[in-house]
């Protein structure tokens, strides 16, 4: 996507809260938070690993920020970054056992580690609140000259633009990292890990850094969610939600950073259309996933390129073949050669 396209897309997102009904602003805020989650998850997939514990990392950030503000009395502006850093530190500790596994075993190991963390929130009422979670989480406030301290979460439009700013920062960070030497090395590890290791690439270090950074941003997304809702509980970060993240990323595509963004936006719109058919939602999501894998293996982000290929194929099919005896039209003749 070009710079002009990104500018136009940002302009659309800036205009959206003024074009939709007030009750739909919650949906837009959740969509932006999910964009952070999906973009950070895609960065981990650059190293060739798919995790089932990424949503739990989001929960770690949500619980950490909630406890830091409610129990320790820290400001939200300090608690949320600290919770994101703690999430990254936890991911660093988990990297030691997890990256001893690969492929399917890494997938199962990440799920087991995530469930162990999530069930601990459900088991211990102190300090995690047990199944009911933590309630009355403080909201971020900003000082204004006349009004004093104003609660951002009380105004959905203000919280929307606050979240949009975090989304822009997230996209810029991961875009620049992917275009750097570090990102190119991750791609090399994904496709030729043995060859990369043979030329001196420390595969474990690169994968660990990708896991730590992706988890930290997932934790930041969790902090945004918790401080907006005012409550967190273990059911918000279960396997069901993780499967939604997988569908967003796979349907959107993983070749570019625009893929997961497209997946989140499109499937959020589809999900709103299926609200009245709640029992059929898994069927529709399964059908969308199967159709994407069959006809768009690189996701929705490859749709413009595929459309151009189909158009070229159809255009050439409509042109009548030229026989050997027929003289080509004047426009197709080669230019005359100079004597």
C-alpha atoms as a PDB file:
ATOM      1  CA  UNK A   1       0.000   0.000   0.000  1.00  0.00           C
ATOM      2  CA  UNK A   2       1.349   3.384  -1.025  1.00  0.00           C
ATOM      3  CA  UNK A   3       1.785   6.407   1.206  1.00  0.00           C
ATOM      4  CA  UNK A   4      -1.239   8.044  -0.418  1.00  0.00           C
ATOM      5  CA  UNK A   5      -3.334   4.953   0.245  1.00  0.00           C
ATOM      6  CA  UNK A   6      -2.293   4.890   3.892  1.00  0.00           C
ATOM      7  CA  UNK A   7      -3.119   8.585   4.240  1.00  0.00           C
ATOM      8  CA  UNK A   8      -6.555   8.041   2.705  1.00  0.00           C
ATOM      9  CA  UNK A   9      -7.163   5.058   4.991  1.00  0.00           C
ATOM     10  CA  UNK A  10      -6.178   7.093   8.048  1.00  0.00           C
ATOM     11  CA  UNK A  11      -8.526   9.878   6.933  1.00  0.00           C
ATOM     12  CA  UNK A  12     -11.376   7.360   6.697  1.00  0.00           C
ATOM     13  CA  UNK A  13     -10.684   6.077  10.204  1.00  0.00           C
ATOM     14  CA  UNK A  14     -10.583   9.655  11.518  1.00  0.00           C
ATOM     15  CA  UNK A  15     -13.981  10.393   9.960  1.00  0.00           C
ATOM     16  CA  UNK A  16     -15.666   7.133  11.037  1.00  0.00           C
ATOM     17  CA  UNK A  17     -16.666   8.121  14.608  1.00  0.00           C
ATOM     18  CA  UNK A  18     -18.584  11.108  13.220  1.00  0.00           C
ATOM     19  CA  UNK A  19     -20.404   9.043  10.577  1.00  0.00           C
ATOM     20  CA  UNK A  20     -21.758   6.190  12.701  1.00  0.00           C
ATOM     21  CA  UNK A  21     -24.284   6.047  15.502  1.00  0.00           C
ATOM     22  CA  UNK A  22     -22.961   6.574  19.028  1.00  0.00           C
ATOM     23  CA  UNK A  23     -23.685   2.995  20.117  1.00  0.00           C
ATOM     24  CA  UNK A  24     -21.472   1.693  17.298  1.00  0.00           C
ATOM     25  CA  UNK A  25     -18.414   3.500  18.635  1.00  0.00           C
ATOM     26  CA  UNK A  26     -17.829   0.597  21.030  1.00  0.00           C
ATOM     27  CA  UNK A  27     -17.539  -1.712  18.030  1.00  0.00           C
ATOM     28  CA  UNK A  28     -15.020   0.613  16.376  1.00  0.00           C
ATOM     29  CA  UNK A  29     -12.915   0.810  19.553  1.00  0.00           C
ATOM     30  CA  UNK A  30     -12.885  -2.975  19.928  1.00  0.00           C
ATOM     31  CA  UNK A  31     -11.965  -3.253  16.237  1.00  0.00           C
ATOM     32  CA  UNK A  32      -8.948  -0.975  16.722  1.00  0.00           C
ATOM     33  CA  UNK A  33      -7.821  -2.958  19.768  1.00  0.00           C
ATOM     34  CA  UNK A  34      -8.140  -6.138  17.701  1.00  0.00           C
ATOM     35  CA  UNK A  35      -5.996  -4.555  14.966  1.00  0.00           C
ATOM     36  CA  UNK A  36      -3.159  -4.159  17.499  1.00  0.00           C
ATOM     37  CA  UNK A  37      -3.641  -7.788  18.536  1.00  0.00           C
ATOM     38  CA  UNK A  38      -3.683  -9.122  14.963  1.00  0.00           C
ATOM     39  CA  UNK A  39      -0.749  -7.028  13.714  1.00  0.00           C
ATOM     40  CA  UNK A  40       1.401  -8.094  16.667  1.00  0.00           C
ATOM     41  CA  UNK A  41       0.420 -11.732  16.112  1.00  0.00           C
ATOM     42  CA  UNK A  42       1.411 -11.526  12.451  1.00  0.00           C
ATOM     43  CA  UNK A  43       4.874 -10.306  13.472  1.00  0.00           C
ATOM     44  CA  UNK A  44       5.355 -13.560  15.382  1.00  0.00           C
ATOM     45  CA  UNK A  45       4.300 -15.576  12.324  1.00  0.00           C
ATOM     46  CA  UNK A  46       7.155 -13.980  10.347  1.00  0.00           C
ATOM     47  CA  UNK A  47       9.475 -16.357  12.195  1.00  0.00           C
ATOM     48  CA  UNK A  48       7.333 -19.297  11.081  1.00  0.00           C
ATOM     49  CA  UNK A  49       5.643 -19.970  14.426  1.00  0.00           C
ATOM     50  CA  UNK A  50       1.905 -19.870  15.160  1.00  0.00           C
ATOM     51  CA  UNK A  51       0.961 -19.516  18.819  1.00  0.00           C
ATOM     52  CA  UNK A  52      -2.298 -20.333  20.611  1.00  0.00           C
ATOM     53  CA  UNK A  53      -1.357 -18.239  23.641  1.00  0.00           C
ATOM     54  CA  UNK A  54      -1.316 -14.761  22.138  1.00  0.00           C
ATOM     55  CA  UNK A  55      -4.727 -13.801  23.529  1.00  0.00           C
ATOM     56  CA  UNK A  56      -3.573 -14.904  26.984  1.00  0.00           C
ATOM     57  CA  UNK A  57      -0.660 -12.464  26.628  1.00  0.00           C
ATOM     58  CA  UNK A  58      -3.299  -9.821  26.003  1.00  0.00           C
ATOM     59  CA  UNK A  59      -4.926 -10.919  29.246  1.00  0.00           C
ATOM     60  CA  UNK A  60      -1.621 -10.637  31.103  1.00  0.00           C
ATOM     61  CA  UNK A  61      -1.426  -7.003  30.058  1.00  0.00           C
ATOM     62  CA  UNK A  62      -5.055  -6.382  31.007  1.00  0.00           C
ATOM     63  CA  UNK A  63      -4.701  -7.971  34.457  1.00  0.00           C
ATOM     64  CA  UNK A  64      -1.308  -6.365  35.051  1.00  0.00           C
ATOM     65  CA  UNK A  65      -2.506  -2.868  34.202  1.00  0.00           C
ATOM     66  CA  UNK A  66      -5.709  -3.351  36.235  1.00  0.00           C
ATOM     67  CA  UNK A  67      -3.806  -4.494  39.343  1.00  0.00           C
ATOM     68  CA  UNK A  68      -1.189  -1.742  38.969  1.00  0.00           C
ATOM     69  CA  UNK A  69      -3.865   0.965  38.919  1.00  0.00           C
ATOM     70  CA  UNK A  70      -6.338  -0.505  41.392  1.00  0.00           C
ATOM     71  CA  UNK A  71      -4.063  -2.136  43.964  1.00  0.00           C
ATOM     72  CA  UNK A  72      -0.797  -0.192  43.597  1.00  0.00           C
ATOM     73  CA  UNK A  73      -2.446   3.139  42.828  1.00  0.00           C
ATOM     74  CA  UNK A  74      -0.347   3.866  39.736  1.00  0.00           C
ATOM     75  CA  UNK A  75      -1.516   6.161  36.979  1.00  0.00           C
ATOM     76  CA  UNK A  76      -2.948   4.470  33.893  1.00  0.00           C
ATOM     77  CA  UNK A  77      -0.307   6.214  31.782  1.00  0.00           C
ATOM     78  CA  UNK A  78       2.393   4.443  33.781  1.00  0.00           C
ATOM     79  CA  UNK A  79       0.575   1.187  34.526  1.00  0.00           C
ATOM     80  CA  UNK A  80      -0.241   0.271  30.909  1.00  0.00           C
ATOM     81  CA  UNK A  81       3.382   0.497  29.615  1.00  0.00           C
ATOM     82  CA  UNK A  82       4.630  -1.344  32.715  1.00  0.00           C
ATOM     83  CA  UNK A  83       2.054  -4.091  32.149  1.00  0.00           C
ATOM     84  CA  UNK A  84       3.149  -4.362  28.501  1.00  0.00           C
ATOM     85  CA  UNK A  85       6.796  -4.634  29.618  1.00  0.00           C
ATOM     86  CA  UNK A  86       5.840  -7.304  32.179  1.00  0.00           C
ATOM     87  CA  UNK A  87       4.015  -9.226  29.440  1.00  0.00           C
ATOM     88  CA  UNK A  88       7.160  -9.144  27.322  1.00  0.00           C
ATOM     89  CA  UNK A  89       9.220 -10.358  30.282  1.00  0.00           C
ATOM     90  CA  UNK A  90       6.820 -13.265  30.835  1.00  0.00           C
ATOM     91  CA  UNK A  91       7.095 -14.133  27.138  1.00  0.00           C
ATOM     92  CA  UNK A  92      10.890 -14.146  27.516  1.00  0.00           C
ATOM     93  CA  UNK A  93      10.619 -16.706  30.323  1.00  0.00           C
ATOM     94  CA  UNK A  94       8.226 -18.838  28.263  1.00  0.00           C
ATOM     95  CA  UNK A  95      10.575 -18.720  25.279  1.00  0.00           C
ATOM     96  CA  UNK A  96      13.080 -21.005  26.996  1.00  0.00           C
ATOM     97  CA  UNK A  97      10.794 -24.082  26.995  1.00  0.00           C
ATOM     98  CA  UNK A  98       8.622 -23.141  23.998  1.00  0.00           C
ATOM     99  CA  UNK A  99      11.380 -22.679  21.432  1.00  0.00           C
ATOM    100  CA  UNK A 100      12.736 -26.098  22.221  1.00  0.00           C
ATOM    101  CA  UNK A 101       9.673 -27.151  20.227  1.00  0.00           C
ATOM    102  CA  UNK A 102       8.784 -26.443  16.634  1.00  0.00           C
ATOM    103  CA  UNK A 103       5.745 -26.436  14.367  1.00  0.00           C
ATOM    104  CA  UNK A 104       2.813 -28.414  15.749  1.00  0.00           C
ATOM    105  CA  UNK A 105       4.567 -29.001  19.070  1.00  0.00           C
ATOM    106  CA  UNK A 106       5.123 -25.254  19.515  1.00  0.00           C
ATOM    107  CA  UNK A 107       1.417 -24.716  18.822  1.00  0.00           C
ATOM    108  CA  UNK A 108       0.388 -27.192  21.512  1.00  0.00           C
ATOM    109  CA  UNK A 109       3.030 -25.949  23.948  1.00  0.00           C
ATOM    110  CA  UNK A 110       1.876 -22.344  23.598  1.00  0.00           C
ATOM    111  CA  UNK A 111      -1.717 -23.440  24.199  1.00  0.00           C
ATOM    112  CA  UNK A 112      -0.736 -25.360  27.348  1.00  0.00           C
ATOM    113  CA  UNK A 113       1.279 -22.442  28.725  1.00  0.00           C
ATOM    114  CA  UNK A 114      -1.520 -20.004  27.977  1.00  0.00           C
ATOM    115  CA  UNK A 115      -4.183 -22.169  29.601  1.00  0.00           C
ATOM    116  CA  UNK A 116      -2.024 -22.589  32.709  1.00  0.00           C
ATOM    117  CA  UNK A 117      -1.835 -18.803  33.056  1.00  0.00           C
ATOM    118  CA  UNK A 118      -5.524 -18.265  32.318  1.00  0.00           C
ATOM    119  CA  UNK A 119      -6.700 -20.935  34.748  1.00  0.00           C
ATOM    120  CA  UNK A 120      -4.589 -19.361  37.493  1.00  0.00           C
ATOM    121  CA  UNK A 121      -6.706 -16.209  37.119  1.00  0.00           C
ATOM    122  CA  UNK A 122      -9.806 -18.348  37.439  1.00  0.00           C
ATOM    123  CA  UNK A 123      -8.467 -20.250  40.462  1.00  0.00           C
ATOM    124  CA  UNK A 124      -7.121 -17.461  42.682  1.00  0.00           C
ATOM    125  CA  UNK A 125      -9.542 -14.851  43.956  1.00  0.00           C
ATOM    126  CA  UNK A 126      -6.719 -12.895  45.525  1.00  0.00           C
ATOM    127  CA  UNK A 127      -5.546 -10.885  43.646  1.00  0.00           C
ATOM    128  CA  UNK A 128      -7.159 -11.938  40.336  1.00  0.00           C
ATOM    129  CA  UNK A 129     -10.783 -12.007  41.475  1.00  0.00           C
ATOM    130  CA  UNK A 130     -11.466 -15.599  40.457  1.00  0.00           C
ATOM    131  CA  UNK A 131     -14.083 -16.291  37.742  1.00  0.00           C
ATOM    132  CA  UNK A 132     -15.606 -12.847  38.226  1.00  0.00           C
ATOM    133  CA  UNK A 133     -12.312 -11.122  37.468  1.00  0.00           C
ATOM    134  CA  UNK A 134     -11.445  -7.554  38.440  1.00  0.00           C
ATOM    135  CA  UNK A 135     -14.058  -4.801  38.336  1.00  0.00           C
ATOM    136  CA  UNK A 136     -14.071  -1.008  38.704  1.00  0.00           C
ATOM    137  CA  UNK A 137     -10.751  -0.597  36.910  1.00  0.00           C
ATOM    138  CA  UNK A 138      -9.718   3.086  36.781  1.00  0.00           C
ATOM    139  CA  UNK A 139      -9.905   4.851  33.425  1.00  0.00           C
ATOM    140  CA  UNK A 140      -7.220   7.053  31.835  1.00  0.00           C
ATOM    141  CA  UNK A 141      -7.599  10.748  32.547  1.00  0.00           C
ATOM    142  CA  UNK A 142      -6.088  13.827  30.921  1.00  0.00           C
ATOM    143  CA  UNK A 143      -5.824  17.323  32.405  1.00  0.00           C
ATOM    144  CA  UNK A 144      -7.672  20.110  30.561  1.00  0.00           C
ATOM    145  CA  UNK A 145      -7.209  23.827  31.340  1.00  0.00           C
ATOM    146  CA  UNK A 146     -10.834  24.556  32.255  1.00  0.00           C
ATOM    147  CA  UNK A 147     -12.411  21.177  32.960  1.00  0.00           C
ATOM    148  CA  UNK A 148      -9.588  19.717  35.043  1.00  0.00           C
ATOM    149  CA  UNK A 149      -9.049  15.924  34.918  1.00  0.00           C
ATOM    150  CA  UNK A 150     -11.294  14.421  32.246  1.00  0.00           C
ATOM    151  CA  UNK A 151     -12.015  10.694  31.978  1.00  0.00           C
ATOM    152  CA  UNK A 152     -11.228   9.591  28.409  1.00  0.00           C
ATOM    153  CA  UNK A 153     -13.179   6.329  28.649  1.00  0.00           C
ATOM    154  CA  UNK A 154     -16.337   8.274  29.516  1.00  0.00           C
ATOM    155  CA  UNK A 155     -16.235   9.827  26.038  1.00  0.00           C
ATOM    156  CA  UNK A 156     -16.137   7.084  23.353  1.00  0.00           C
ATOM    157  CA  UNK A 157     -14.940   9.498  20.660  1.00  0.00           C
ATOM    158  CA  UNK A 158     -11.969  10.588  22.778  1.00  0.00           C
ATOM    159  CA  UNK A 159     -11.072   6.985  23.596  1.00  0.00           C
ATOM    160  CA  UNK A 160     -11.446   6.066  19.922  1.00  0.00           C
ATOM    161  CA  UNK A 161      -8.842   8.627  18.844  1.00  0.00           C
ATOM    162  CA  UNK A 162      -6.603   7.656  21.756  1.00  0.00           C
ATOM    163  CA  UNK A 163      -6.745   4.020  20.613  1.00  0.00           C
ATOM    164  CA  UNK A 164      -6.270   5.044  16.976  1.00  0.00           C
ATOM    165  CA  UNK A 165      -3.039   6.826  17.932  1.00  0.00           C
ATOM    166  CA  UNK A 166      -1.770   3.631  19.582  1.00  0.00           C
ATOM    167  CA  UNK A 167      -2.741   1.666  16.469  1.00  0.00           C
ATOM    168  CA  UNK A 168      -0.751   4.022  14.221  1.00  0.00           C
ATOM    169  CA  UNK A 169       2.288   3.716  16.489  1.00  0.00           C
ATOM    170  CA  UNK A 170       1.956  -0.083  16.471  1.00  0.00           C
ATOM    171  CA  UNK A 171       1.754  -0.268  12.674  1.00  0.00           C
ATOM    172  CA  UNK A 172       4.743   2.048  12.207  1.00  0.00           C
ATOM    173  CA  UNK A 173       6.880   0.058  14.668  1.00  0.00           C
ATOM    174  CA  UNK A 174       6.153  -3.316  13.090  1.00  0.00           C
ATOM    175  CA  UNK A 175       6.356  -1.986   9.531  1.00  0.00           C
ATOM    176  CA  UNK A 176       9.789  -0.477  10.124  1.00  0.00           C
ATOM    177  CA  UNK A 177      10.998  -3.597  11.911  1.00  0.00           C
ATOM    178  CA  UNK A 178       9.856  -5.848   9.085  1.00  0.00           C
ATOM    179  CA  UNK A 179      11.651  -3.695   6.505  1.00  0.00           C
ATOM    180  CA  UNK A 180      14.833  -3.681   8.577  1.00  0.00           C
ATOM    181  CA  UNK A 181      17.610  -6.258   8.567  1.00  0.00           C
ATOM    182  CA  UNK A 182      15.969  -7.891  11.573  1.00  0.00           C
ATOM    183  CA  UNK A 183      12.713  -8.421   9.669  1.00  0.00           C
ATOM    184  CA  UNK A 184      14.507  -9.816   6.631  1.00  0.00           C
ATOM    185  CA  UNK A 185      16.298 -12.257   8.918  1.00  0.00           C
ATOM    186  CA  UNK A 186      12.943 -13.386  10.345  1.00  0.00           C
ATOM    187  CA  UNK A 187      11.750 -14.105   6.811  1.00  0.00           C
ATOM    188  CA  UNK A 188      14.902 -16.117   6.180  1.00  0.00           C
ATOM    189  CA  UNK A 189      14.313 -18.125   9.364  1.00  0.00           C
ATOM    190  CA  UNK A 190      10.732 -18.756   8.296  1.00  0.00           C
ATOM    191  CA  UNK A 191      11.590 -20.180   4.891  1.00  0.00           C
ATOM    192  CA  UNK A 192      15.123 -21.578   5.349  1.00  0.00           C
ATOM    193  CA  UNK A 193      15.903 -21.924   9.043  1.00  0.00           C
ATOM    194  CA  UNK A 194      18.645 -24.522   8.560  1.00  0.00           C
ATOM    195  CA  UNK A 195      20.365 -22.392   5.924  1.00  0.00           C
ATOM    196  CA  UNK A 196      20.047 -19.278   8.106  1.00  0.00           C
ATOM    197  CA  UNK A 197      21.593 -21.095  11.055  1.00  0.00           C
ATOM    198  CA  UNK A 198      24.424 -22.372   8.861  1.00  0.00           C
ATOM    199  CA  UNK A 199      25.515 -18.793   8.085  1.00  0.00           C
ATOM    200  CA  UNK A 200      25.598 -17.788  11.742  1.00  0.00           C
ATOM    201  CA  UNK A 201      22.055 -16.576  12.475  1.00  0.00           C
ATOM    202  CA  UNK A 202      21.093 -17.180  16.112  1.00  0.00           C
ATOM    203  CA  UNK A 203      17.606 -18.520  15.445  1.00  0.00           C
ATOM    204  CA  UNK A 204      16.552 -18.759  19.104  1.00  0.00           C
ATOM    205  CA  UNK A 205      17.436 -15.123  19.777  1.00  0.00           C
ATOM    206  CA  UNK A 206      15.495 -13.816  16.761  1.00  0.00           C
ATOM    207  CA  UNK A 207      12.420 -15.904  17.521  1.00  0.00           C
ATOM    208  CA  UNK A 208      12.538 -14.900  21.173  1.00  0.00           C
ATOM    209  CA  UNK A 209      12.701 -11.208  20.327  1.00  0.00           C
ATOM    210  CA  UNK A 210       9.740 -11.597  17.961  1.00  0.00           C
ATOM    211  CA  UNK A 211       7.748 -13.373  20.690  1.00  0.00           C
ATOM    212  CA  UNK A 212       8.652 -10.793  23.339  1.00  0.00           C
ATOM    213  CA  UNK A 213       7.770  -7.794  21.165  1.00  0.00           C
ATOM    214  CA  UNK A 214       4.533  -9.314  19.864  1.00  0.00           C
ATOM    215  CA  UNK A 215       3.487 -10.251  23.416  1.00  0.00           C
ATOM    216  CA  UNK A 216       4.300  -6.766  24.738  1.00  0.00           C
ATOM    217  CA  UNK A 217       2.016  -5.130  22.182  1.00  0.00           C
ATOM    218  CA  UNK A 218      -0.661  -7.734  22.895  1.00  0.00           C
ATOM    219  CA  UNK A 219      -0.365  -6.756  26.559  1.00  0.00           C
ATOM    220  CA  UNK A 220      -0.755  -3.101  25.592  1.00  0.00           C
ATOM    221  CA  UNK A 221      -3.930  -4.002  23.694  1.00  0.00           C
ATOM    222  CA  UNK A 222      -5.173  -5.798  26.803  1.00  0.00           C
ATOM    223  CA  UNK A 223      -4.557  -2.693  28.903  1.00  0.00           C
ATOM    224  CA  UNK A 224      -6.570  -0.607  26.435  1.00  0.00           C
ATOM    225  CA  UNK A 225      -9.413  -3.113  26.610  1.00  0.00           C
ATOM    226  CA  UNK A 226      -9.449  -3.387  30.400  1.00  0.00           C
ATOM    227  CA  UNK A 227      -9.381   0.345  31.066  1.00  0.00           C
ATOM    228  CA  UNK A 228     -12.168   0.948  28.561  1.00  0.00           C
ATOM    229  CA  UNK A 229     -14.500  -1.786  29.809  1.00  0.00           C
ATOM    230  CA  UNK A 230     -13.610  -1.245  33.478  1.00  0.00           C
ATOM    231  CA  UNK A 231     -13.473  -4.997  34.061  1.00  0.00           C
ATOM    232  CA  UNK A 232     -11.466  -8.071  33.045  1.00  0.00           C
ATOM    233  CA  UNK A 233     -12.201 -11.756  33.575  1.00  0.00           C
ATOM    234  CA  UNK A 234     -10.677 -15.058  32.381  1.00  0.00           C
ATOM    235  CA  UNK A 235     -13.395 -15.797  29.793  1.00  0.00           C
ATOM    236  CA  UNK A 236     -12.335 -12.762  27.754  1.00  0.00           C
ATOM    237  CA  UNK A 237      -9.064 -14.495  26.841  1.00  0.00           C
ATOM    238  CA  UNK A 238     -10.009 -18.116  26.192  1.00  0.00           C
ATOM    239  CA  UNK A 239      -9.325 -20.343  23.179  1.00  0.00           C
ATOM    240  CA  UNK A 240     -12.545 -19.217  21.481  1.00  0.00           C
ATOM    241  CA  UNK A 241     -11.177 -15.667  21.191  1.00  0.00           C
ATOM    242  CA  UNK A 242      -7.793 -16.986  20.043  1.00  0.00           C
ATOM    243  CA  UNK A 243      -9.468 -18.794  17.162  1.00  0.00           C
ATOM    244  CA  UNK A 244     -10.981 -15.489  16.066  1.00  0.00           C
ATOM    245  CA  UNK A 245      -7.461 -14.010  15.912  1.00  0.00           C
ATOM    246  CA  UNK A 246      -6.284 -16.914  13.757  1.00  0.00           C
ATOM    247  CA  UNK A 247      -9.209 -16.412  11.372  1.00  0.00           C
ATOM    248  CA  UNK A 248      -8.543 -12.653  11.143  1.00  0.00           C
ATOM    249  CA  UNK A 249      -4.900 -13.191  10.250  1.00  0.00           C
ATOM    250  CA  UNK A 250      -5.407 -16.118   7.846  1.00  0.00           C
ATOM    251  CA  UNK A 251      -8.369 -14.573   6.026  1.00  0.00           C
ATOM    252  CA  UNK A 252      -6.672 -11.169   5.808  1.00  0.00           C
ATOM    253  CA  UNK A 253      -3.297 -12.592   4.808  1.00  0.00           C
ATOM    254  CA  UNK A 254       0.192 -12.584   6.274  1.00  0.00           C
ATOM    255  CA  UNK A 255       2.314 -11.451   3.328  1.00  0.00           C
ATOM    256  CA  UNK A 256       2.101  -7.754   4.276  1.00  0.00           C
ATOM    257  CA  UNK A 257       1.138  -5.816   7.372  1.00  0.00           C
ATOM    258  CA  UNK A 258      -2.087  -4.725   5.635  1.00  0.00           C
ATOM    259  CA  UNK A 259      -3.358  -8.321   5.663  1.00  0.00           C
ATOM    260  CA  UNK A 260      -4.382  -8.665   9.324  1.00  0.00           C
ATOM    261  CA  UNK A 261      -5.826  -5.136   9.281  1.00  0.00           C
ATOM    262  CA  UNK A 262      -8.042  -6.052   6.333  1.00  0.00           C
ATOM    263  CA  UNK A 263      -9.020  -9.297   8.053  1.00  0.00           C
ATOM    264  CA  UNK A 264     -10.060  -7.553  11.269  1.00  0.00           C
ATOM    265  CA  UNK A 265     -12.045  -4.827   9.493  1.00  0.00           C
ATOM    266  CA  UNK A 266     -13.855  -7.117   7.045  1.00  0.00           C
ATOM    267  CA  UNK A 267     -14.691  -9.815   9.591  1.00  0.00           C
ATOM    268  CA  UNK A 268     -15.847  -7.218  12.119  1.00  0.00           C
ATOM    269  CA  UNK A 269     -18.373  -5.995   9.546  1.00  0.00           C
ATOM    270  CA  UNK A 270     -19.395  -9.590   8.774  1.00  0.00           C
ATOM    271  CA  UNK A 271     -19.708 -10.365  12.470  1.00  0.00           C
ATOM    272  CA  UNK A 272     -22.089  -7.452  12.988  1.00  0.00           C
ATOM    273  CA  UNK A 273     -24.226  -8.761  10.156  1.00  0.00           C
ATOM    274  CA  UNK A 274     -24.418 -12.164  11.844  1.00  0.00           C
ATOM    275  CA  UNK A 275     -25.588 -10.887  15.235  1.00  0.00           C
ATOM    276  CA  UNK A 276     -29.123 -12.086  14.557  1.00  0.00           C
ATOM    277  CA  UNK A 277     -27.774 -15.524  13.558  1.00  0.00           C
ATOM    278  CA  UNK A 278     -25.605 -16.130  16.580  1.00  0.00           C
ATOM    279  CA  UNK A 279     -25.933 -19.927  16.449  1.00  0.00           C
ATOM    280  CA  UNK A 280     -24.789 -19.949  12.824  1.00  0.00           C
ATOM    281  CA  UNK A 281     -21.738 -17.751  13.302  1.00  0.00           C
ATOM    282  CA  UNK A 282     -19.230 -20.641  13.641  1.00  0.00           C
ATOM    283  CA  UNK A 283     -20.595 -22.117  10.414  1.00  0.00           C
ATOM    284  CA  UNK A 284     -20.159 -18.846   8.525  1.00  0.00           C
ATOM    285  CA  UNK A 285     -16.662 -18.316   9.904  1.00  0.00           C
ATOM    286  CA  UNK A 286     -15.702 -21.863   8.981  1.00  0.00           C
ATOM    287  CA  UNK A 287     -17.049 -21.385   5.457  1.00  0.00           C
ATOM    288  CA  UNK A 288     -15.165 -18.093   5.064  1.00  0.00           C
ATOM    289  CA  UNK A 289     -11.952 -19.735   6.245  1.00  0.00           C
ATOM    290  CA  UNK A 290     -12.328 -22.719   3.885  1.00  0.00           C
ATOM    291  CA  UNK A 291     -13.169 -20.532   0.882  1.00  0.00           C
ATOM    292  CA  UNK A 292     -10.212 -18.269   1.624  1.00  0.00           C
ATOM    293  CA  UNK A 293      -7.769 -21.181   1.842  1.00  0.00           C
ATOM    294  CA  UNK A 294      -9.150 -22.693  -1.388  1.00  0.00           C
ATOM    295  CA  UNK A 295      -9.444 -19.611  -3.603  1.00  0.00           C
ATOM    296  CA  UNK A 296      -7.329 -16.930  -1.874  1.00  0.00           C
ATOM    297  CA  UNK A 297      -4.484 -18.787  -0.134  1.00  0.00           C
ATOM    298  CA  UNK A 298      -2.679 -15.475   0.454  1.00  0.00           C
ATOM    299  CA  UNK A 299      -5.750 -13.868   2.008  1.00  0.00           C
ATOM    300  CA  UNK A 300      -7.932 -10.911   1.125  1.00  0.00           C
ATOM    301  CA  UNK A 301      -4.873  -8.704   0.657  1.00  0.00           C
ATOM    302  CA  UNK A 302      -4.128 -10.641  -2.563  1.00  0.00           C
ATOM    303  CA  UNK A 303      -7.624 -10.010  -3.968  1.00  0.00           C
ATOM    304  CA  UNK A 304      -6.666  -6.950  -6.117  1.00  0.00           C
ATOM    305  CA  UNK A 305      -3.771  -8.844  -7.693  1.00  0.00           C
ATOM    306  CA  UNK A 306      -5.923 -11.922  -8.316  1.00  0.00           C
ATOM    307  CA  UNK A 307      -8.675  -9.739  -9.794  1.00  0.00           C
ATOM    308  CA  UNK A 308      -6.170  -8.236 -12.227  1.00  0.00           C
ATOM    309  CA  UNK A 309      -4.975 -11.734 -13.210  1.00  0.00           C
ATOM    310  CA  UNK A 310      -8.547 -12.932 -13.748  1.00  0.00           C
ATOM    311  CA  UNK A 311      -9.334  -9.818 -15.810  1.00  0.00           C
ATOM    312  CA  UNK A 312      -6.267 -10.318 -18.008  1.00  0.00           C
ATOM    313  CA  UNK A 313      -7.137 -13.977 -18.482  1.00  0.00           C
ATOM    314  CA  UNK A 314     -10.763 -13.152 -19.416  1.00  0.00           C
ATOM    315  CA  UNK A 315      -9.697 -10.345 -21.777  1.00  0.00           C
ATOM    316  CA  UNK A 316      -7.294 -12.576 -23.667  1.00  0.00           C
ATOM    317  CA  UNK A 317      -9.899 -15.328 -23.864  1.00  0.00           C
ATOM    318  CA  UNK A 318     -12.336 -12.939 -25.571  1.00  0.00           C
ATOM    319  CA  UNK A 319      -9.842 -11.961 -28.296  1.00  0.00           C
ATOM    320  CA  UNK A 320     -10.235 -14.082 -31.472  1.00  0.00           C
ATOM    321  CA  UNK A 321      -7.122 -16.036 -32.466  1.00  0.00           C
ATOM    322  CA  UNK A 322      -5.139 -14.805 -35.501  1.00  0.00           C
ATOM    323  CA  UNK A 323      -4.502 -17.463 -38.181  1.00  0.00           C
ATOM    324  CA  UNK A 324      -1.122 -17.896 -39.797  1.00  0.00           C
ATOM    325  CA  UNK A 325      -2.449 -16.850 -43.237  1.00  0.00           C
ATOM    326  CA  UNK A 326      -4.186 -13.735 -41.941  1.00  0.00           C
ATOM    327  CA  UNK A 327      -2.207 -10.519 -42.070  1.00  0.00           C
ATOM    328  CA  UNK A 328      -2.028  -8.874 -38.637  1.00  0.00           C
ATOM    329  CA  UNK A 329      -3.695  -5.484 -38.235  1.00  0.00           C
ATOM    330  CA  UNK A 330      -1.625  -2.413 -38.991  1.00  0.00           C
ATOM    331  CA  UNK A 331      -1.344  -1.498 -35.317  1.00  0.00           C
ATOM    332  CA  UNK A 332       0.298  -4.874 -34.588  1.00  0.00           C
ATOM    333  CA  UNK A 333       2.752  -4.800 -37.487  1.00  0.00           C
ATOM    334  CA  UNK A 334       6.407  -4.212 -36.645  1.00  0.00           C
ATOM    335  CA  UNK A 335       7.745  -0.737 -37.475  1.00  0.00           C
ATOM    336  CA  UNK A 336       9.499  -0.455 -40.862  1.00  0.00           C
ATOM    337  CA  UNK A 337      13.253  -0.756 -40.789  1.00  0.00           C
ATOM    338  CA  UNK A 338      15.375   2.100 -42.082  1.00  0.00           C
ATOM    339  CA  UNK A 339      17.187   1.351 -45.358  1.00  0.00           C
END
